[in-house]
Amino acid sequence: MRDAYTRSLASRASELRNHQTPAERKLWFEFLRTHPVKFRRQVPLHGYILDFYSPSLKLCIELDGRSHDGQAAQQYDAERTRQLTASGIRVVRFSNAEVLGQFVEVGAAIDGVCRGDAPF
């Protein structure tokens, strides 16, 4: 991971950790922080800041708010996912609304991905 670490984004990643969205805060403090698979928050890798990253599984969990709804944002997200996937990182996306409104289901989906049971 050291080769992929983007030092220039480290201060921004720290800033984002200190100012999480409500969905990020909920997912972290109520699920991922104590998950058996170790996750890290706001990890600068490959020129991007990943919302949540499990180094052992090379798994990235991204939470998307309304700013990701536009066509330009979706194209950016698709390219970002393509580049991360090409680097061997699996990307799973949930909307903020899913995390806040269907929390149990999101947790189950993440567990399934971690176990290798889910189709993500």
N, C-alpha and C. Protein backbone atom coordinates (compact mmCIF):
# COMPACT_ATOMS: atom_id res chain seq x y z
N MET A 1 0.82 -1.18 0.00
CA MET A 1 0.00 0.00 0.00
C MET A 1 0.86 1.25 0.00
N ARG A 2 2.06 1.19 0.50
CA ARG A 2 2.91 2.38 0.55
C ARG A 2 3.15 2.99 -0.82
N ASP A 3 3.28 2.15 -1.84
CA ASP A 3 3.50 2.66 -3.19
C ASP A 3 2.27 3.41 -3.70
N ALA A 4 1.12 3.00 -3.26
CA ALA A 4 -0.12 3.59 -3.75
C ALA A 4 -0.56 4.80 -2.92
N TYR A 5 0.03 4.98 -1.74
CA TYR A 5 -0.36 6.06 -0.84
C TYR A 5 -0.09 7.41 -1.49
N THR A 6 -1.06 8.29 -1.42
CA THR A 6 -0.93 9.62 -2.03
C THR A 6 -0.70 10.65 -0.94
N ARG A 7 0.56 10.91 -0.64
CA ARG A 7 0.94 11.79 0.46
C ARG A 7 0.35 13.19 0.31
N SER A 8 0.25 13.67 -0.91
CA SER A 8 -0.26 15.03 -1.13
C SER A 8 -1.71 15.19 -0.69
N LEU A 9 -2.43 14.09 -0.55
CA LEU A 9 -3.84 14.15 -0.11
C LEU A 9 -4.01 13.85 1.38
N ALA A 10 -2.92 13.61 2.09
CA ALA A 10 -3.01 13.21 3.50
C ALA A 10 -3.68 14.26 4.38
N SER A 11 -3.36 15.53 4.19
CA SER A 11 -3.98 16.55 5.04
C SER A 11 -5.47 16.69 4.73
N ARG A 12 -5.85 16.58 3.46
CA ARG A 12 -7.26 16.64 3.10
C ARG A 12 -8.02 15.44 3.66
N ALA A 13 -7.38 14.27 3.63
CA ALA A 13 -8.00 13.06 4.18
C ALA A 13 -8.24 13.23 5.69
N SER A 14 -7.28 13.80 6.38
CA SER A 14 -7.42 14.06 7.81
C SER A 14 -8.57 15.02 8.07
N GLU A 15 -8.66 16.04 7.26
CA GLU A 15 -9.76 17.00 7.35
C GLU A 15 -11.11 16.31 7.17
N LEU A 16 -11.20 15.44 6.19
CA LEU A 16 -12.44 14.72 5.93
C LEU A 16 -12.80 13.77 7.07
N ARG A 17 -11.79 13.16 7.71
CA ARG A 17 -12.06 12.29 8.86
C ARG A 17 -12.68 13.08 10.00
N ASN A 18 -12.25 14.33 10.14
CA ASN A 18 -12.75 15.19 11.21
C ASN A 18 -14.09 15.83 10.89
N HIS A 19 -14.54 15.76 9.66
CA HIS A 19 -15.79 16.38 9.22
C HIS A 19 -16.61 15.40 8.37
N GLN A 20 -16.89 14.24 8.92
CA GLN A 20 -17.63 13.23 8.17
C GLN A 20 -19.09 13.64 7.98
N THR A 21 -19.68 13.13 6.90
CA THR A 21 -21.10 13.34 6.67
C THR A 21 -21.86 12.49 7.69
N PRO A 22 -23.14 12.78 7.93
CA PRO A 22 -23.92 11.95 8.85
C PRO A 22 -23.91 10.46 8.46
N ALA A 23 -24.00 10.17 7.18
CA ALA A 23 -23.98 8.77 6.73
C ALA A 23 -22.62 8.13 7.00
N GLU A 24 -21.54 8.83 6.72
CA GLU A 24 -20.20 8.29 7.00
C GLU A 24 -20.02 8.05 8.49
N ARG A 25 -20.45 9.01 9.30
CA ARG A 25 -20.33 8.89 10.75
C ARG A 25 -21.11 7.67 11.25
N LYS A 26 -22.34 7.51 10.76
CA LYS A 26 -23.17 6.37 11.19
C LYS A 26 -22.52 5.05 10.80
N LEU A 27 -22.10 4.93 9.54
CA LEU A 27 -21.51 3.68 9.09
C LEU A 27 -20.23 3.37 9.86
N TRP A 28 -19.43 4.37 10.12
CA TRP A 28 -18.17 4.15 10.84
C TRP A 28 -18.42 3.78 12.30
N PHE A 29 -19.12 4.62 13.03
CA PHE A 29 -19.25 4.42 14.46
C PHE A 29 -20.22 3.31 14.85
N GLU A 30 -21.17 3.00 13.99
CA GLU A 30 -22.14 1.96 14.35
C GLU A 30 -21.88 0.62 13.65
N PHE A 31 -20.86 0.57 12.78
CA PHE A 31 -20.65 -0.69 12.06
C PHE A 31 -19.19 -0.99 11.76
N LEU A 32 -18.56 -0.18 10.94
CA LEU A 32 -17.22 -0.52 10.44
C LEU A 32 -16.12 -0.44 11.49
N ARG A 33 -16.24 0.47 12.43
CA ARG A 33 -15.17 0.65 13.42
C ARG A 33 -14.91 -0.63 14.21
N THR A 34 -15.95 -1.40 14.47
CA THR A 34 -15.80 -2.63 15.25
C THR A 34 -15.98 -3.89 14.40
N HIS A 35 -16.00 -3.74 13.11
CA HIS A 35 -16.19 -4.89 12.22
C HIS A 35 -14.98 -5.83 12.35
N PRO A 36 -15.20 -7.14 12.25
CA PRO A 36 -14.07 -8.08 12.34
C PRO A 36 -12.99 -7.83 11.26
N VAL A 37 -13.41 -7.35 10.10
CA VAL A 37 -12.45 -6.97 9.06
C VAL A 37 -12.04 -5.53 9.34
N LYS A 38 -10.76 -5.28 9.40
CA LYS A 38 -10.28 -3.93 9.73
C LYS A 38 -10.49 -2.98 8.55
N PHE A 39 -11.15 -1.86 8.83
CA PHE A 39 -11.34 -0.79 7.86
C PHE A 39 -10.67 0.47 8.37
N ARG A 40 -10.25 1.30 7.42
CA ARG A 40 -9.69 2.61 7.72
C ARG A 40 -10.58 3.65 7.05
N ARG A 41 -10.60 4.86 7.62
CA ARG A 41 -11.43 5.95 7.08
C ARG A 41 -10.59 6.90 6.27
N GLN A 42 -11.17 7.42 5.20
CA GLN A 42 -10.57 8.49 4.40
C GLN A 42 -9.10 8.21 4.09
N VAL A 43 -8.89 7.22 3.28
CA VAL A 43 -7.53 6.75 2.95
C VAL A 43 -7.11 7.30 1.58
N PRO A 44 -6.00 8.05 1.53
CA PRO A 44 -5.52 8.58 0.24
C PRO A 44 -4.72 7.52 -0.53
N LEU A 45 -5.33 6.98 -1.58
CA LEU A 45 -4.67 5.95 -2.41
C LEU A 45 -4.87 6.26 -3.88
N HIS A 46 -3.85 6.04 -4.66
CA HIS A 46 -3.93 6.15 -6.12
C HIS A 46 -4.53 7.49 -6.58
N GLY A 47 -4.24 8.55 -5.85
CA GLY A 47 -4.71 9.87 -6.24
C GLY A 47 -6.13 10.20 -5.83
N TYR A 48 -6.75 9.34 -5.04
CA TYR A 48 -8.12 9.54 -4.57
C TYR A 48 -8.15 9.37 -3.05
N ILE A 49 -9.20 9.90 -2.44
CA ILE A 49 -9.43 9.65 -1.02
C ILE A 49 -10.61 8.69 -0.93
N LEU A 50 -10.34 7.48 -0.45
CA LEU A 50 -11.36 6.44 -0.35
C LEU A 50 -12.11 6.62 0.97
N ASP A 51 -13.43 6.58 0.93
CA ASP A 51 -14.21 6.78 2.15
C ASP A 51 -13.82 5.76 3.22
N PHE A 52 -13.90 4.49 2.89
CA PHE A 52 -13.53 3.42 3.82
C PHE A 52 -12.75 2.38 3.02
N TYR A 53 -11.66 1.87 3.63
CA TYR A 53 -10.80 0.94 2.91
C TYR A 53 -10.33 -0.16 3.83
N SER A 54 -10.44 -1.39 3.36
CA SER A 54 -9.91 -2.55 4.06
C SER A 54 -8.68 -3.03 3.30
N PRO A 55 -7.49 -2.78 3.85
CA PRO A 55 -6.26 -3.22 3.16
C PRO A 55 -6.19 -4.74 2.97
N SER A 56 -6.69 -5.51 3.96
CA SER A 56 -6.58 -6.96 3.85
C SER A 56 -7.43 -7.52 2.72
N LEU A 57 -8.57 -6.89 2.45
CA LEU A 57 -9.45 -7.36 1.38
C LEU A 57 -9.30 -6.55 0.10
N LYS A 58 -8.51 -5.47 0.17
CA LYS A 58 -8.42 -4.53 -0.95
C LYS A 58 -9.84 -4.12 -1.38
N LEU A 59 -10.62 -3.72 -0.39
CA LEU A 59 -12.02 -3.38 -0.57
C LEU A 59 -12.24 -1.92 -0.18
N CYS A 60 -12.86 -1.18 -1.08
CA CYS A 60 -13.19 0.22 -0.86
C CYS A 60 -14.72 0.34 -0.78
N ILE A 61 -15.20 1.00 0.26
CA ILE A 61 -16.62 1.28 0.38
C ILE A 61 -16.79 2.78 0.23
N GLU A 62 -17.56 3.17 -0.76
CA GLU A 62 -17.81 4.58 -1.05
C GLU A 62 -19.26 4.92 -0.75
N LEU A 63 -19.46 6.07 -0.13
CA LEU A 63 -20.79 6.58 0.13
C LEU A 63 -21.00 7.81 -0.74
N ASP A 64 -22.09 7.81 -1.46
CA ASP A 64 -22.37 8.88 -2.41
C ASP A 64 -23.57 9.70 -1.98
N GLY A 65 -23.38 11.00 -1.89
CA GLY A 65 -24.47 11.92 -1.58
C GLY A 65 -25.08 12.45 -2.87
N ARG A 66 -25.91 13.44 -2.73
CA ARG A 66 -26.62 14.00 -3.88
C ARG A 66 -25.68 14.63 -4.90
N SER A 67 -24.49 15.02 -4.48
CA SER A 67 -23.54 15.62 -5.42
C SER A 67 -23.07 14.62 -6.48
N HIS A 68 -23.34 13.35 -6.26
CA HIS A 68 -22.94 12.30 -7.21
C HIS A 68 -24.04 11.99 -8.23
N ASP A 69 -25.14 12.72 -8.16
CA ASP A 69 -26.28 12.44 -9.03
C ASP A 69 -26.10 12.94 -10.47
N GLY A 70 -25.34 13.99 -10.67
CA GLY A 70 -25.19 14.57 -12.00
C GLY A 70 -24.38 13.70 -12.94
N GLN A 71 -24.54 13.95 -14.23
CA GLN A 71 -23.84 13.15 -15.24
C GLN A 71 -22.32 13.26 -15.12
N ALA A 72 -21.81 14.47 -14.91
CA ALA A 72 -20.36 14.66 -14.80
C ALA A 72 -19.82 13.90 -13.58
N ALA A 73 -20.53 13.96 -12.47
CA ALA A 73 -20.10 13.26 -11.26
C ALA A 73 -20.13 11.75 -11.47
N GLN A 74 -21.14 11.26 -12.17
CA GLN A 74 -21.23 9.83 -12.42
C GLN A 74 -20.11 9.36 -13.35
N GLN A 75 -19.75 10.18 -14.33
CA GLN A 75 -18.62 9.84 -15.21
C GLN A 75 -17.31 9.82 -14.42
N TYR A 76 -17.13 10.80 -13.53
CA TYR A 76 -15.93 10.85 -12.69
C TYR A 76 -15.88 9.61 -11.80
N ASP A 77 -17.02 9.26 -11.17
CA ASP A 77 -17.06 8.08 -10.30
C ASP A 77 -16.76 6.81 -11.07
N ALA A 78 -17.27 6.71 -12.29
CA ALA A 78 -17.02 5.53 -13.11
C ALA A 78 -15.53 5.40 -13.46
N GLU A 79 -14.91 6.51 -13.80
CA GLU A 79 -13.48 6.49 -14.12
C GLU A 79 -12.67 6.17 -12.87
N ARG A 80 -13.04 6.74 -11.77
CA ARG A 80 -12.36 6.47 -10.50
C ARG A 80 -12.47 4.99 -10.16
N THR A 81 -13.66 4.44 -10.28
CA THR A 81 -13.85 3.01 -10.01
C THR A 81 -13.02 2.17 -10.97
N ARG A 82 -12.99 2.56 -12.24
CA ARG A 82 -12.19 1.81 -13.22
C ARG A 82 -10.72 1.80 -12.82
N GLN A 83 -10.19 2.96 -12.43
CA GLN A 83 -8.77 3.05 -12.06
C GLN A 83 -8.47 2.26 -10.78
N LEU A 84 -9.35 2.35 -9.81
CA LEU A 84 -9.13 1.59 -8.57
C LEU A 84 -9.22 0.09 -8.83
N THR A 85 -10.18 -0.32 -9.65
CA THR A 85 -10.32 -1.73 -9.99
C THR A 85 -9.09 -2.23 -10.73
N ALA A 86 -8.55 -1.41 -11.63
CA ALA A 86 -7.34 -1.78 -12.35
C ALA A 86 -6.15 -1.93 -11.40
N SER A 87 -6.22 -1.27 -10.26
CA SER A 87 -5.16 -1.38 -9.24
C SER A 87 -5.42 -2.54 -8.28
N GLY A 88 -6.47 -3.31 -8.54
CA GLY A 88 -6.77 -4.46 -7.70
C GLY A 88 -7.67 -4.17 -6.52
N ILE A 89 -8.29 -3.00 -6.49
CA ILE A 89 -9.17 -2.62 -5.39
C ILE A 89 -10.63 -2.79 -5.83
N ARG A 90 -11.37 -3.50 -5.05
CA ARG A 90 -12.80 -3.70 -5.32
C ARG A 90 -13.58 -2.53 -4.72
N VAL A 91 -14.46 -1.93 -5.49
CA VAL A 91 -15.21 -0.76 -5.05
C VAL A 91 -16.68 -1.12 -4.92
N VAL A 92 -17.25 -0.81 -3.76
CA VAL A 92 -18.67 -1.01 -3.49
C VAL A 92 -19.24 0.35 -3.10
N ARG A 93 -20.34 0.72 -3.74
CA ARG A 93 -20.95 2.03 -3.51
C ARG A 93 -22.34 1.90 -2.90
N PHE A 94 -22.60 2.80 -1.96
CA PHE A 94 -23.93 2.95 -1.38
C PHE A 94 -24.24 4.43 -1.38
N SER A 95 -25.51 4.77 -1.45
CA SER A 95 -25.88 6.17 -1.32
C SER A 95 -26.01 6.51 0.17
N ASN A 96 -25.87 7.78 0.47
CA ASN A 96 -26.08 8.23 1.85
C ASN A 96 -27.48 7.84 2.31
N ALA A 97 -28.46 7.97 1.40
CA ALA A 97 -29.85 7.64 1.74
C ALA A 97 -29.98 6.16 2.13
N GLU A 98 -29.26 5.29 1.43
CA GLU A 98 -29.30 3.86 1.78
C GLU A 98 -28.75 3.63 3.18
N VAL A 99 -27.63 4.26 3.48
CA VAL A 99 -27.01 4.09 4.80
C VAL A 99 -27.95 4.59 5.89
N LEU A 100 -28.54 5.74 5.68
CA LEU A 100 -29.40 6.33 6.70
C LEU A 100 -30.77 5.67 6.79
N GLY A 101 -31.29 5.16 5.67
CA GLY A 101 -32.64 4.60 5.66
C GLY A 101 -32.74 3.09 5.67
N GLN A 102 -31.65 2.42 5.26
CA GLN A 102 -31.65 0.95 5.19
C GLN A 102 -30.36 0.42 5.80
N PHE A 103 -30.07 0.86 6.98
CA PHE A 103 -28.78 0.59 7.61
C PHE A 103 -28.51 -0.91 7.79
N VAL A 104 -29.50 -1.64 8.24
CA VAL A 104 -29.33 -3.08 8.46
C VAL A 104 -28.98 -3.78 7.15
N GLU A 105 -29.67 -3.40 6.09
CA GLU A 105 -29.43 -4.01 4.78
C GLU A 105 -28.04 -3.67 4.24
N VAL A 106 -27.61 -2.43 4.44
CA VAL A 106 -26.27 -2.02 4.02
C VAL A 106 -25.22 -2.82 4.79
N GLY A 107 -25.40 -2.96 6.09
CA GLY A 107 -24.47 -3.75 6.90
C GLY A 107 -24.41 -5.19 6.42
N ALA A 108 -25.57 -5.77 6.13
CA ALA A 108 -25.61 -7.16 5.64
C ALA A 108 -24.89 -7.28 4.29
N ALA A 109 -25.08 -6.29 3.43
CA ALA A 109 -24.41 -6.31 2.12
C ALA A 109 -22.89 -6.22 2.30
N ILE A 110 -22.44 -5.37 3.20
CA ILE A 110 -20.99 -5.25 3.46
C ILE A 110 -20.45 -6.56 4.03
N ASP A 111 -21.18 -7.15 4.97
CA ASP A 111 -20.75 -8.45 5.51
C ASP A 111 -20.64 -9.48 4.40
N GLY A 112 -21.62 -9.50 3.50
CA GLY A 112 -21.59 -10.45 2.39
C GLY A 112 -20.39 -10.24 1.49
N VAL A 113 -20.06 -8.99 1.20
CA VAL A 113 -18.88 -8.70 0.38
C VAL A 113 -17.62 -9.16 1.10
N CYS A 114 -17.54 -8.90 2.39
CA CYS A 114 -16.35 -9.29 3.16
C CYS A 114 -16.18 -10.81 3.20
N ARG A 115 -17.29 -11.52 3.24
CA ARG A 115 -17.23 -13.00 3.24
C ARG A 115 -17.06 -13.58 1.85
N GLY A 116 -17.26 -12.75 0.82
CA GLY A 116 -17.17 -13.23 -0.54
C GLY A 116 -18.48 -13.80 -1.05
N ASP A 117 -19.57 -13.55 -0.31
CA ASP A 117 -20.88 -14.08 -0.67
C ASP A 117 -21.68 -13.16 -1.58
N ALA A 118 -21.35 -11.88 -1.58
CA ALA A 118 -22.17 -10.89 -2.30
C ALA A 118 -21.66 -10.68 -3.72
N PRO A 119 -22.56 -10.33 -4.63
CA PRO A 119 -22.19 -10.18 -6.03
C PRO A 119 -21.55 -8.85 -6.38
N PHE A 120 -21.31 -7.97 -5.43
CA PHE A 120 -20.73 -6.65 -5.73
C PHE A 120 -19.41 -6.77 -6.43
